[in-house]
Amino acid sequence: MTAFAPPLGRRPAFVNRRAVLAAAVRPAYPGGMDEARAHTSIARIDAALARIEAAARARTAEVDSLGRRHAALRLRMEEAIAALDEVIAREDEA
């Protein structure tokens, strides 16, 4: 079993599995993160999540509003079509 999928039809001659696994668990930047930087990063993530949640709530409100307007328009169209049907029926009787 190899550590990655080779292109179709070709197999790698050798895969250094230890190097692949070591690279997978190596931190993105050496030395780690000090506590102040970690708190700043967490605060930025929290702010981003708050913006995403606010946008989702606004989008939900927009969709709800659109649904209500669509229902009102549909009702008005049904009433208009019913009125036209009455006019046509009266013309057919005359």
Foldseek 3Di string as FASTA:
>chain_A
DAPDDDPPPDDDPDHPVVVVVVVVPDDPDPPDDDPVVVVVVVVVVVVVVVVVVVVVVVVVVVVVVVVVVVVVVVVVVVVVVVVVVVVVVVVVVD
